[in-house]
Amino acid sequence: MNNAQNKKGSSGSGWRTIAICMLVVLVPWALYVNIHPNTRQDGGRIGLGSDFALTGVQSAQLLGQITGLNHLLNRTEYHGPDQVTPSQNGVRVQYHPKSIVLPDLPVQGPIPSEGAVPLFGVKHKGTDAIFALACNYPKVYYQRFVGSLRQAGYEDDIVLAVSPVEKMKNGVQQYVKDTNVVAYGFDVDCDGPDNCRLQKDFLGYPDPRPFRTFANIRYALYEYWLRQYERRSYILILDFRDTFFQVSPFLSFGPFEKRNPDKYELQVFAENWNVKTIGICVFNSMWVSKCFGKQALPPLKDRAVVCSGSTLGSYVAIHHYLRTMLQSMDTVKCWLKGIESDQGYQNYLFYNGHFNTELGNATLFHQGTGVVNTIGAMNGYRVPKEKKGPLDKFWKIRDSDGFILNNDQTKSAVVHQWDRFYDEIVPFLDSKLYPNN
């Protein structure tokens, strides 16, 4: 009898011990989950996590991180094949702050007060805008870029860095005037090929940066132009020579006057993942590893190539994007390591979370899924023959009228790197997408 009572008492004591341990462990854990700034925002739990290494809050802040909220979202969003977005899981964060104070632009040098102004008396509208570097090209390239954009119904700003008037190719000056381009005469001082800096009359003071490549210089232009826009503006940054338009690119963002001025929306666009990854491409792998170190490449080698020739975003997002790119360029200086391209920065910074902020994350759109359809890799000379062919019969992304299509068979708003399919596309482009005048 006493043995039985002892056993019973011992058993009860054991359960009490277990219960106390559970309380000690679970209560603090529950409090942590519910109030820790990395797992909550405005009372709502969000999902965190990433399948690649991120550099963390401190390094993001060093690159111009927007601060003022309670946490950093360490996850990059994707749209495209075999990817799930946070919104599909019901965890997209909505936040509408009363005010956001952005860091000053420019990143280097004083605020310009006597810098370059648009040619021919054209003024910025200050709503949406498309930025590109367009120097030294003949008229036909302006027709393909500007003409197709205007024919698609786009009426807002097209902001281009063009050759000085005395250096413009035949017909360019009049065409720029006729199409109401916000054109900035652009010239540089150089110390060898593709090793240049802005002439002092552009900023109104000497370029604060050293001699560098054109791929790097253009970000100082974008930064300068961004000051002409406001918080509801959307900006699309593009390569000029190999881009044309089929649909006005900002239609999906709603009326200008109804937009949230503090929205962070940054979109980047990938080349075809099936035929090209960072690791497979000798150039992209070199741009990452030679610039950021060999250890930077392995986590990225199986990733899709993010093209630096097309980036779209809200004002707040483009502001952060430009600061991040410029500050990384100022720090890492890849051009001193023999890297002329800006694409190494774009991929390293995106995949390491530097374009993600407390206001939202950058979104990667795979080829054929976003506003910009980057098709060049699909006809790359290193792609095996069995993996490439005509856009209509092999890739099945052209309709009966010749338009380039996204994967859902809708017209691609912007077609980038079209010249890799030059013989297929140029008859359609030059006959149907812009007025021949």
Foldseek 3Di string as FASTA:
>chain_A
DVVVVVVVVVVVVVVVVVVVVCCVPVVVVVVCCQPPLAQDFPRDGADADEPFAADDDVVLVLLFFFDDGRHFRQYAAEDDPPGDGRVVVVHDDDDADPDGDGDDPDPDDDQFDQAWFFPPPFDAPQAAEEEEEDEPDAPVLCCQALQLQVLQPDDHAYEYEYAPPVRYHPPNVVVCVVSRYRYTHFDWDADDPQFTAGDCRHRVGGGPDGTAGPQLRVLSVVRNVLVSHALLYKYKYAYRRFKGFNHNLCVVQDDSVPHRSPAWEKEWEFEALVQDFCQVDPQSLCLQCLQVHVVLRPSGRSHTQTDPRIMMTGSVLVSSVSSSLNSCCRPRVCVVSVRRHSSNVVRSCLVNFSSTHPNGHYYYYYAQGGLEHEHQSLLDPPGDPVSHDDCCPRVNQADPLGAGHGPVNHGRGMYGNCCSVVVSRVVSSVPPSGDDD
